[in-house]
PDB file of N, CA and C in Angstrom:
ATOM      1  N   MET A   1    -117.786  -2.581 -16.646  1.00  0.00           N
ATOM      2  CA  MET A   1    -119.170  -2.346 -17.362  1.00  0.00           C
ATOM      3  C   MET A   1    -119.841  -2.020 -17.005  1.00  0.00           C
ATOM      4  N   ARG A   2    -120.715  -1.695 -17.906  1.00  0.00           N
ATOM      5  CA  ARG A   2    -122.080  -1.213 -17.986  1.00  0.00           C
ATOM      6  C   ARG A   2    -123.408  -1.466 -18.322  1.00  0.00           C
ATOM      7  N   VAL A   3    -124.245  -1.445 -17.491  1.00  0.00           N
ATOM      8  CA  VAL A   3    -125.541  -1.893 -17.824  1.00  0.00           C
ATOM      9  C   VAL A   3    -126.753  -0.926 -18.137  1.00  0.00           C
ATOM     10  N   ILE A   4    -127.452  -0.713 -19.710  1.00  0.00           N
ATOM     11  CA  ILE A   4    -128.515   0.525 -19.519  1.00  0.00           C
ATOM     12  C   ILE A   4    -129.696  -0.626 -19.324  1.00  0.00           C
ATOM     13  N   LEU A   5    -130.703  -0.287 -17.566  1.00  0.00           N
ATOM     14  CA  LEU A   5    -131.749  -0.811 -18.287  1.00  0.00           C
ATOM     15  C   LEU A   5    -132.910   0.586 -19.010  1.00  0.00           C
ATOM     16  N   ASN A   6    -133.563  -0.138 -19.994  1.00  0.00           N
ATOM     17  CA  ASN A   6    -134.540   1.032 -19.886  1.00  0.00           C
ATOM     18  C   ASN A   6    -135.414   0.596 -20.667  1.00  0.00           C
ATOM     19  N   SER A   7    -136.053  -0.321 -20.520  1.00  0.00           N
ATOM     20  CA  SER A   7    -137.410  -1.112 -20.422  1.00  0.00           C
ATOM     21  C   SER A   7    -138.703   0.226 -20.909  1.00  0.00           C
ATOM     22  N   ASP A   8    -139.776  -0.065 -21.458  1.00  0.00           N
ATOM     23  CA  ASP A   8    -140.372   0.929 -21.432  1.00  0.00           C
ATOM     24  C   ASP A   8    -141.141   0.857 -20.049  1.00  0.00           C
ATOM     25  N   LYS A   9    -141.591  -0.286 -19.006  1.00  0.00           N
ATOM     26  CA  LYS A   9    -142.686  -0.487 -17.919  1.00  0.00           C
ATOM     27  C   LYS A   9    -141.315   1.312 -16.870  1.00  0.00           C
ATOM     28  N   THR A  10    -139.855   0.350 -16.514  1.00  0.00           N
ATOM     29  CA  THR A  10    -138.755   1.037 -15.958  1.00  0.00           C
ATOM     30  C   THR A  10    -138.970   2.412 -16.510  1.00  0.00           C
ATOM     31  N   VAL A  11    -138.487   3.023 -17.774  1.00  0.00           N
ATOM     32  CA  VAL A  11    -138.533   4.216 -18.531  1.00  0.00           C
ATOM     33  C   VAL A  11    -139.271   5.159 -17.391  1.00  0.00           C
ATOM     34  N   GLU A  12    -140.659   4.803 -18.033  1.00  0.00           N
ATOM     35  CA  GLU A  12    -142.370   5.312 -17.111  1.00  0.00           C
ATOM     36  C   GLU A  12    -142.038   5.206 -15.818  1.00  0.00           C
ATOM     37  N   LYS A  13    -141.431   4.668 -15.337  1.00  0.00           N
ATOM     38  CA  LYS A  13    -142.044   4.839 -13.570  1.00  0.00           C
ATOM     39  C   LYS A  13    -140.334   5.106 -13.061  1.00  0.00           C
ATOM     40  N   HIS A  14    -139.429   4.867 -13.483  1.00  0.00           N
ATOM     41  CA  HIS A  14    -138.166   5.313 -12.926  1.00  0.00           C
ATOM     42  C   HIS A  14    -137.050   5.859 -13.962  1.00  0.00           C
ATOM     43  N   GLY A  15    -137.049   6.537 -14.868  1.00  0.00           N
ATOM     44  CA  GLY A  15    -136.492   6.928 -15.801  1.00  0.00           C
ATOM     45  C   GLY A  15    -135.327   5.738 -16.624  1.00  0.00           C
ATOM     46  N   VAL A  16    -133.979   6.364 -17.268  1.00  0.00           N
ATOM     47  CA  VAL A  16    -133.444   5.572 -17.422  1.00  0.00           C
ATOM     48  C   VAL A  16    -132.423   5.270 -16.622  1.00  0.00           C
ATOM     49  N   ARG A  17    -131.864   3.492 -16.391  1.00  0.00           N
ATOM     50  CA  ARG A  17    -131.950   3.551 -15.441  1.00  0.00           C
ATOM     51  C   ARG A  17    -129.929   3.150 -15.672  1.00  0.00           C
ATOM     52  N   THR A  18    -129.015   2.876 -15.340  1.00  0.00           N
ATOM     53  CA  THR A  18    -127.872   3.129 -15.804  1.00  0.00           C
ATOM     54  C   THR A  18    -126.505   2.140 -14.514  1.00  0.00           C
ATOM     55  N   TYR A  19    -125.928   0.998 -14.612  1.00  0.00           N
ATOM     56  CA  TYR A  19    -125.493   0.569 -13.843  1.00  0.00           C
ATOM     57  C   TYR A  19    -123.699   0.636 -13.971  1.00  0.00           C
ATOM     58  N   THR A  20    -123.436   0.132 -13.083  1.00  0.00           N
ATOM     59  CA  THR A  20    -121.723   0.328 -13.690  1.00  0.00           C
ATOM     60  C   THR A  20    -121.320  -0.786 -12.267  1.00  0.00           C
ATOM     61  N   ILE A  21    -120.669  -1.863 -13.242  1.00  0.00           N
ATOM     62  CA  ILE A  21    -120.520  -3.138 -12.555  1.00  0.00           C
ATOM     63  C   ILE A  21    -118.840  -3.217 -12.083  1.00  0.00           C
ATOM     64  N   ASN A  22    -118.270  -3.184 -11.303  1.00  0.00           N
ATOM     65  CA  ASN A  22    -116.712  -3.707 -11.512  1.00  0.00           C
ATOM     66  C   ASN A  22    -116.251  -4.290 -10.599  1.00  0.00           C
ATOM     67  N   GLN A  23    -114.771  -4.100  -9.968  1.00  0.00           N
ATOM     68  CA  GLN A  23    -114.328  -4.695  -8.518  1.00  0.00           C
ATOM     69  C   GLN A  23    -114.799  -4.873  -7.730  1.00  0.00           C
ATOM     70  N   ASP A  24    -115.481  -2.996  -7.525  1.00  0.00           N
ATOM     71  CA  ASP A  24    -115.587  -2.705  -6.302  1.00  0.00           C
ATOM     72  C   ASP A  24    -117.553  -3.120  -5.499  1.00  0.00           C
ATOM     73  N   GLY A  25    -117.847  -3.143  -6.953  1.00  0.00           N
ATOM     74  CA  GLY A  25    -119.585  -3.563  -6.561  1.00  0.00           C
ATOM     75  C   GLY A  25    -120.341  -3.066  -7.691  1.00  0.00           C
ATOM     76  N   ILE A  26    -121.385  -2.135  -7.588  1.00  0.00           N
ATOM     77  CA  ILE A  26    -122.373  -2.133  -8.251  1.00  0.00           C
ATOM     78  C   ILE A  26    -122.570  -0.121  -7.989  1.00  0.00           C
ATOM     79  N   SER A  27    -122.386   0.409  -8.934  1.00  0.00           N
ATOM     80  CA  SER A  27    -123.058   1.977  -8.916  1.00  0.00           C
ATOM     81  C   SER A  27    -124.205   1.864  -9.824  1.00  0.00           C
ATOM     82  N   PHE A  28    -125.412   2.503  -9.775  1.00  0.00           N
ATOM     83  CA  PHE A  28    -126.440   2.777  -9.927  1.00  0.00           C
ATOM     84  C   PHE A  28    -126.581   4.678  -9.999  1.00  0.00           C
ATOM     85  N   PHE A  29    -127.259   5.041 -11.407  1.00  0.00           N
ATOM     86  CA  PHE A  29    -127.774   6.413 -11.739  1.00  0.00           C
ATOM     87  C   PHE A  29    -128.791   6.338 -12.457  1.00  0.00           C
ATOM     88  N   SER A  30    -130.149   7.118 -12.005  1.00  0.00           N
ATOM     89  CA  SER A  30    -130.694   7.696 -13.214  1.00  0.00           C
ATOM     90  C   SER A  30    -131.081   9.222 -12.943  1.00  0.00           C
ATOM     91  N   SER A  31    -131.717   9.710 -13.837  1.00  0.00           N
ATOM     92  CA  SER A  31    -132.570  11.144 -13.456  1.00  0.00           C
ATOM     93  C   SER A  31    -132.946  11.829 -12.456  1.00  0.00           C
ATOM     94  N   GLU A  32    -133.286  10.543 -11.587  1.00  0.00           N
ATOM     95  CA  GLU A  32    -133.909  10.655 -10.115  1.00  0.00           C
ATOM     96  C   GLU A  32    -133.170  10.512  -8.598  1.00  0.00           C
ATOM     97  N   LEU A  33    -132.110   9.563  -9.082  1.00  0.00           N
ATOM     98  CA  LEU A  33    -131.419   8.822  -7.915  1.00  0.00           C
ATOM     99  C   LEU A  33    -129.431   8.438  -8.310  1.00  0.00           C
ATOM    100  N   GLN A  34    -128.617   8.395  -7.435  1.00  0.00           N
ATOM    101  CA  GLN A  34    -127.832   7.753  -7.977  1.00  0.00           C
ATOM    102  C   GLN A  34    -127.350   6.730  -6.342  1.00  0.00           C
ATOM    103  N   ALA A  35    -126.996   5.337  -6.516  1.00  0.00           N
ATOM    104  CA  ALA A  35    -126.111   4.952  -5.164  1.00  0.00           C
ATOM    105  C   ALA A  35    -125.210   3.995  -5.966  1.00  0.00           C
ATOM    106  N   SER A  36    -124.367   3.795  -4.715  1.00  0.00           N
ATOM    107  CA  SER A  36    -124.127   2.364  -5.492  1.00  0.00           C
ATOM    108  C   SER A  36    -123.809   1.340  -3.607  1.00  0.00           C
ATOM    109  N   MET A  37    -123.481   0.140  -3.570  1.00  0.00           N
ATOM    110  CA  MET A  37    -123.390  -1.009  -3.441  1.00  0.00           C
ATOM    111  C   MET A  37    -121.916  -1.266  -3.334  1.00  0.00           C
ATOM    112  N   LYS A  38    -121.050  -2.233  -2.490  1.00  0.00           N
ATOM    113  CA  LYS A  38    -120.228  -2.749  -2.307  1.00  0.00           C
ATOM    114  C   LYS A  38    -120.467  -4.219  -1.928  1.00  0.00           C
ATOM    115  N   TRP A  39    -119.561  -5.296  -2.647  1.00  0.00           N
ATOM    116  CA  TRP A  39    -119.484  -6.533  -3.021  1.00  0.00           C
ATOM    117  C   TRP A  39    -120.288  -6.969  -1.378  1.00  0.00           C
ATOM    118  N   SER A  40    -119.278  -6.832  -0.630  1.00  0.00           N
ATOM    119  CA  SER A  40    -119.555  -7.234   0.714  1.00  0.00           C
ATOM    120  C   SER A  40    -120.660  -7.328   0.757  1.00  0.00           C
ATOM    121  N   ASN A  41    -121.757  -5.589   0.931  1.00  0.00           N
ATOM    122  CA  ASN A  41    -123.113  -6.037   1.153  1.00  0.00           C
ATOM    123  C   ASN A  41    -124.115  -7.214   0.122  1.00  0.00           C
ATOM    124  N   ILE A  42    -123.519  -7.444  -0.672  1.00  0.00           N
ATOM    125  CA  ILE A  42    -124.158  -8.591  -1.460  1.00  0.00           C
ATOM    126  C   ILE A  42    -124.570 -10.100  -0.782  1.00  0.00           C
ATOM    127  N   SER A  43    -125.477 -10.818  -0.454  1.00  0.00           N
ATOM    128  CA  SER A  43    -125.270 -11.640   0.216  1.00  0.00           C
ATOM    129  C   SER A  43    -125.550 -13.154  -0.888  1.00  0.00           C
ATOM    130  N   LYS A  44    -125.664 -12.599  -1.828  1.00  0.00           N
ATOM    131  CA  LYS A  44    -126.103 -14.409  -2.707  1.00  0.00           C
ATOM    132  C   LYS A  44    -126.293 -13.721  -3.708  1.00  0.00           C
ATOM    133  N   PHE A  45    -125.756 -14.153  -5.016  1.00  0.00           N
ATOM    134  CA  PHE A  45    -125.590 -14.411  -6.819  1.00  0.00           C
ATOM    135  C   PHE A  45    -126.528 -15.528  -6.881  1.00  0.00           C
ATOM    136  N   VAL A  46    -127.813 -14.979  -7.964  1.00  0.00           N
ATOM    137  CA  VAL A  46    -128.974 -16.308  -8.428  1.00  0.00           C
ATOM    138  C   VAL A  46    -128.961 -16.256  -9.819  1.00  0.00           C
ATOM    139  N   GLN A  47    -128.338 -16.534 -10.757  1.00  0.00           N
ATOM    140  CA  GLN A  47    -128.955 -16.935 -12.262  1.00  0.00           C
ATOM    141  C   GLN A  47    -129.534 -17.952 -12.456  1.00  0.00           C
ATOM    142  N   THR A  48    -131.343 -17.256 -12.716  1.00  0.00           N
ATOM    143  CA  THR A  48    -132.002 -18.216 -13.721  1.00  0.00           C
ATOM    144  C   THR A  48    -132.032 -17.897 -15.429  1.00  0.00           C
ATOM    145  N   LYS A  49    -133.257 -18.710 -16.114  1.00  0.00           N
ATOM    146  CA  LYS A  49    -132.926 -18.748 -17.625  1.00  0.00           C
ATOM    147  C   LYS A  49    -133.158 -17.082 -18.148  1.00  0.00           C
ATOM    148  N   ARG A  50    -133.681 -16.434 -17.142  1.00  0.00           N
ATOM    149  CA  ARG A  50    -134.344 -14.842 -17.637  1.00  0.00           C
ATOM    150  C   ARG A  50    -133.321 -14.037 -16.554  1.00  0.00           C
ATOM    151  N   TYR A  51    -132.880 -14.048 -16.016  1.00  0.00           N
ATOM    152  CA  TYR A  51    -132.509 -12.808 -14.900  1.00  0.00           C
ATOM    153  C   TYR A  51    -131.864 -13.787 -13.861  1.00  0.00           C
ATOM    154  N   ILE A  52    -130.235 -12.268 -13.843  1.00  0.00           N
ATOM    155  CA  ILE A  52    -129.731 -12.023 -12.490  1.00  0.00           C
ATOM    156  C   ILE A  52    -129.896 -11.489 -11.190  1.00  0.00           C
ATOM    157  N   TYR A  53    -130.081 -12.350  -9.985  1.00  0.00           N
ATOM    158  CA  TYR A  53    -130.541 -11.447  -8.583  1.00  0.00           C
ATOM    159  C   TYR A  53    -129.273 -11.138  -8.050  1.00  0.00           C
ATOM    160  N   LEU A  54    -129.088 -10.224  -7.237  1.00  0.00           N
ATOM    161  CA  LEU A  54    -128.279 -10.171  -6.619  1.00  0.00           C
ATOM    162  C   LEU A  54    -128.967  -9.288  -5.284  1.00  0.00           C
ATOM    163  N   TYR A  55    -128.909 -10.714  -4.079  1.00  0.00           N
ATOM    164  CA  TYR A  55    -129.162  -9.852  -2.878  1.00  0.00           C
ATOM    165  C   TYR A  55    -128.791  -9.104  -1.920  1.00  0.00           C
ATOM    166  N   ILE A  56    -129.828  -8.258  -1.589  1.00  0.00           N
ATOM    167  CA  ILE A  56    -128.905  -7.597  -0.192  1.00  0.00           C
ATOM    168  C   ILE A  56    -129.044  -7.532   0.898  1.00  0.00           C
ATOM    169  N   ASN A  57    -129.998  -8.932   0.854  1.00  0.00           N
ATOM    170  CA  ASN A  57    -131.081  -9.418   1.839  1.00  0.00           C
ATOM    171  C   ASN A  57    -131.906 -10.468   1.532  1.00  0.00           C
ATOM    172  N   ALA A  58    -132.754 -10.792   2.306  1.00  0.00           N
ATOM    173  CA  ALA A  58    -133.709 -12.030   1.819  1.00  0.00           C
ATOM    174  C   ALA A  58    -134.779 -11.318   1.255  1.00  0.00           C
ATOM    175  N   ASP A  59    -134.679 -10.661   0.795  1.00  0.00           N
ATOM    176  CA  ASP A  59    -136.347  -9.106   0.913  1.00  0.00           C
ATOM    177  C   ASP A  59    -135.928  -8.487  -0.535  1.00  0.00           C
ATOM    178  N   SER A  60    -134.732  -8.369  -0.196  1.00  0.00           N
ATOM    179  CA  SER A  60    -134.180  -6.785  -1.663  1.00  0.00           C
ATOM    180  C   SER A  60    -133.120  -7.680  -2.336  1.00  0.00           C
ATOM    181  N   ALA A  61    -133.326  -7.385  -3.526  1.00  0.00           N
ATOM    182  CA  ALA A  61    -132.188  -7.755  -4.133  1.00  0.00           C
ATOM    183  C   ALA A  61    -131.826  -6.944  -6.043  1.00  0.00           C
ATOM    184  N   TYR A  62    -131.008  -6.640  -6.214  1.00  0.00           N
ATOM    185  CA  TYR A  62    -130.919  -5.853  -7.893  1.00  0.00           C
ATOM    186  C   TYR A  62    -131.223  -7.164  -8.704  1.00  0.00           C
ATOM    187  N   VAL A  63    -131.951  -6.822 -10.099  1.00  0.00           N
ATOM    188  CA  VAL A  63    -132.613  -7.870 -10.834  1.00  0.00           C
ATOM    189  C   VAL A  63    -131.931  -7.343 -11.808  1.00  0.00           C
ATOM    190  N   PHE A  64    -131.066  -8.078 -12.827  1.00  0.00           N
ATOM    191  CA  PHE A  64    -130.698  -7.686 -14.298  1.00  0.00           C
ATOM    192  C   PHE A  64    -131.467  -9.079 -14.919  1.00  0.00           C
ATOM    193  N   PRO A  65    -132.700  -8.071 -16.048  1.00  0.00           N
ATOM    194  CA  PRO A  65    -132.790  -9.153 -17.023  1.00  0.00           C
ATOM    195  C   PRO A  65    -131.656  -9.440 -18.202  1.00  0.00           C
ATOM    196  N   LEU A  66    -131.764 -10.822 -18.082  1.00  0.00           N
ATOM    197  CA  LEU A  66    -130.549 -11.630 -18.991  1.00  0.00           C
ATOM    198  C   LEU A  66    -130.620 -10.578 -20.225  1.00  0.00           C
ATOM    199  N   ARG A  67    -132.164 -10.743 -21.414  1.00  0.00           N
ATOM    200  CA  ARG A  67    -131.576 -10.363 -22.611  1.00  0.00           C
ATOM    201  C   ARG A  67    -131.524  -8.471 -22.354  1.00  0.00           C
ATOM    202  N   THR A  68    -130.836  -7.791 -21.640  1.00  0.00           N
ATOM    203  CA  THR A  68    -130.495  -6.209 -21.684  1.00  0.00           C
ATOM    204  C   THR A  68    -129.069  -6.857 -21.478  1.00  0.00           C
ATOM    205  N   ILE A  69    -128.306  -7.758 -21.360  1.00  0.00           N
ATOM    206  CA  ILE A  69    -126.990  -8.390 -21.448  1.00  0.00           C
ATOM    207  C   ILE A  69    -126.758  -9.084 -22.316  1.00  0.00           C
ATOM    208  N   SER A  70    -125.148  -8.983 -23.423  1.00  0.00           N
ATOM    209  CA  SER A  70    -124.699  -9.750 -24.212  1.00  0.00           C
ATOM    210  C   SER A  70    -123.921 -10.458 -23.333  1.00  0.00           C
ATOM    211  N   GLU A  71    -123.644 -12.010 -24.604  1.00  0.00           N
ATOM    212  CA  GLU A  71    -122.911 -12.878 -23.671  1.00  0.00           C
ATOM    213  C   GLU A  71    -121.534 -12.136 -22.751  1.00  0.00           C
ATOM    214  N   GLU A  72    -121.093 -11.186 -23.155  1.00  0.00           N
ATOM    215  CA  GLU A  72    -119.330 -11.129 -23.057  1.00  0.00           C
ATOM    216  C   GLU A  72    -119.938  -9.952 -22.174  1.00  0.00           C
ATOM    217  N   GLN A  73    -121.021  -9.215 -22.143  1.00  0.00           N
ATOM    218  CA  GLN A  73    -121.233  -8.761 -20.759  1.00  0.00           C
ATOM    219  C   GLN A  73    -121.376  -9.610 -19.768  1.00  0.00           C
ATOM    220  N   LEU A  74    -122.165 -11.018 -19.816  1.00  0.00           N
ATOM    221  CA  LEU A  74    -122.226 -11.463 -18.432  1.00  0.00           C
ATOM    222  C   LEU A  74    -121.304 -12.122 -17.797  1.00  0.00           C
ATOM    223  N   LYS A  75    -120.191 -12.863 -19.259  1.00  0.00           N
ATOM    224  CA  LYS A  75    -119.021 -13.465 -18.900  1.00  0.00           C
ATOM    225  C   LYS A  75    -118.186 -12.191 -17.732  1.00  0.00           C
ATOM    226  N   GLU A  76    -118.067 -10.472 -18.310  1.00  0.00           N
ATOM    227  CA  GLU A  76    -117.571 -10.298 -17.375  1.00  0.00           C
ATOM    228  C   GLU A  76    -117.957  -9.780 -16.158  1.00  0.00           C
ATOM    229  N   PHE A  77    -119.819  -9.731 -16.079  1.00  0.00           N
ATOM    230  CA  PHE A  77    -120.320  -9.449 -14.848  1.00  0.00           C
ATOM    231  C   PHE A  77    -120.136 -10.715 -13.887  1.00  0.00           C
ATOM    232  N   ILE A  78    -120.352 -11.533 -14.490  1.00  0.00           N
ATOM    233  CA  ILE A  78    -120.123 -13.095 -13.404  1.00  0.00           C
ATOM    234  C   ILE A  78    -118.591 -12.739 -12.814  1.00  0.00           C
ATOM    235  N   GLY A  79    -117.875 -12.182 -13.869  1.00  0.00           N
ATOM    236  CA  GLY A  79    -116.172 -12.424 -13.397  1.00  0.00           C
ATOM    237  C   GLY A  79    -115.896 -11.680 -12.486  1.00  0.00           C
ATOM    238  N   TYR A  80    -117.137 -10.400 -12.029  1.00  0.00           N
ATOM    239  CA  TYR A  80    -116.797  -9.156 -10.984  1.00  0.00           C
ATOM    240  C   TYR A  80    -116.772 -10.083  -9.218  1.00  0.00           C
ATOM    241  N   ILE A  81    -117.668 -11.019  -9.772  1.00  0.00           N
ATOM    242  CA  ILE A  81    -118.730 -11.414  -8.285  1.00  0.00           C
ATOM    243  C   ILE A  81    -117.881 -11.677  -7.854  1.00  0.00           C
ATOM    244  N   PRO A  82    -117.316 -11.892  -6.531  1.00  0.00           N
ATOM    245  CA  PRO A  82    -115.910 -12.418  -5.539  1.00  0.00           C
ATOM    246  C   PRO A  82    -116.429 -13.793  -5.351  1.00  0.00           C
ATOM    247  N   LEU A  83    -115.743 -14.565  -5.013  1.00  0.00           N
ATOM    248  CA  LEU A  83    -115.634 -16.283  -4.382  1.00  0.00           C
ATOM    249  C   LEU A  83    -116.985 -15.811  -3.162  1.00  0.00           C
ATOM    250  N   THR A  84    -116.799 -14.690  -2.376  1.00  0.00           N
ATOM    251  CA  THR A  84    -116.994 -14.984  -1.097  1.00  0.00           C
ATOM    252  C   THR A  84    -119.027 -14.568  -1.014  1.00  0.00           C
ATOM    253  N   VAL A  85    -119.361 -14.175  -2.539  1.00  0.00           N
ATOM    254  CA  VAL A  85    -120.610 -14.365  -2.700  1.00  0.00           C
ATOM    255  C   VAL A  85    -121.110 -15.256  -2.918  1.00  0.00           C
ATOM    256  N   LYS A  86    -122.404 -15.975  -1.706  1.00  0.00           N
ATOM    257  CA  LYS A  86    -122.825 -17.104  -2.163  1.00  0.00           C
ATOM    258  C   LYS A  86    -124.056 -17.684  -3.582  1.00  0.00           C
ATOM    259  N   LYS A  87    -123.053 -18.518  -4.162  1.00  0.00           N
ATOM    260  CA  LYS A  87    -124.345 -18.512  -5.873  1.00  0.00           C
ATOM    261  C   LYS A  87    -124.748 -19.558  -5.484  1.00  0.00           C
ATOM    262  N   LYS A  88    -126.269 -19.684  -6.169  1.00  0.00           N
ATOM    263  CA  LYS A  88    -127.898 -20.436  -5.777  1.00  0.00           C
ATOM    264  C   LYS A  88    -127.844 -21.008  -7.227  1.00  0.00           C
TER     265      LYS A  88
END
């Protein structure tokens, strides 16, 4: 599954960012950098009315605005999150 984050603020600061979410974890790339994170490195999952947060530690998280994700993508996204990641 791919999620492309390209709001005006994001593009201006970081360029268009593309995330790939699958059974292995999250991969991220933009014109400036590329990175990946395995699910075993994600400590907590939080879903609010507006965002999904995937915490790496108490102070750092991947933040996905729900407005950028379709209902179908959201179901797929959550389906990839292993049971070992704590949900709050």
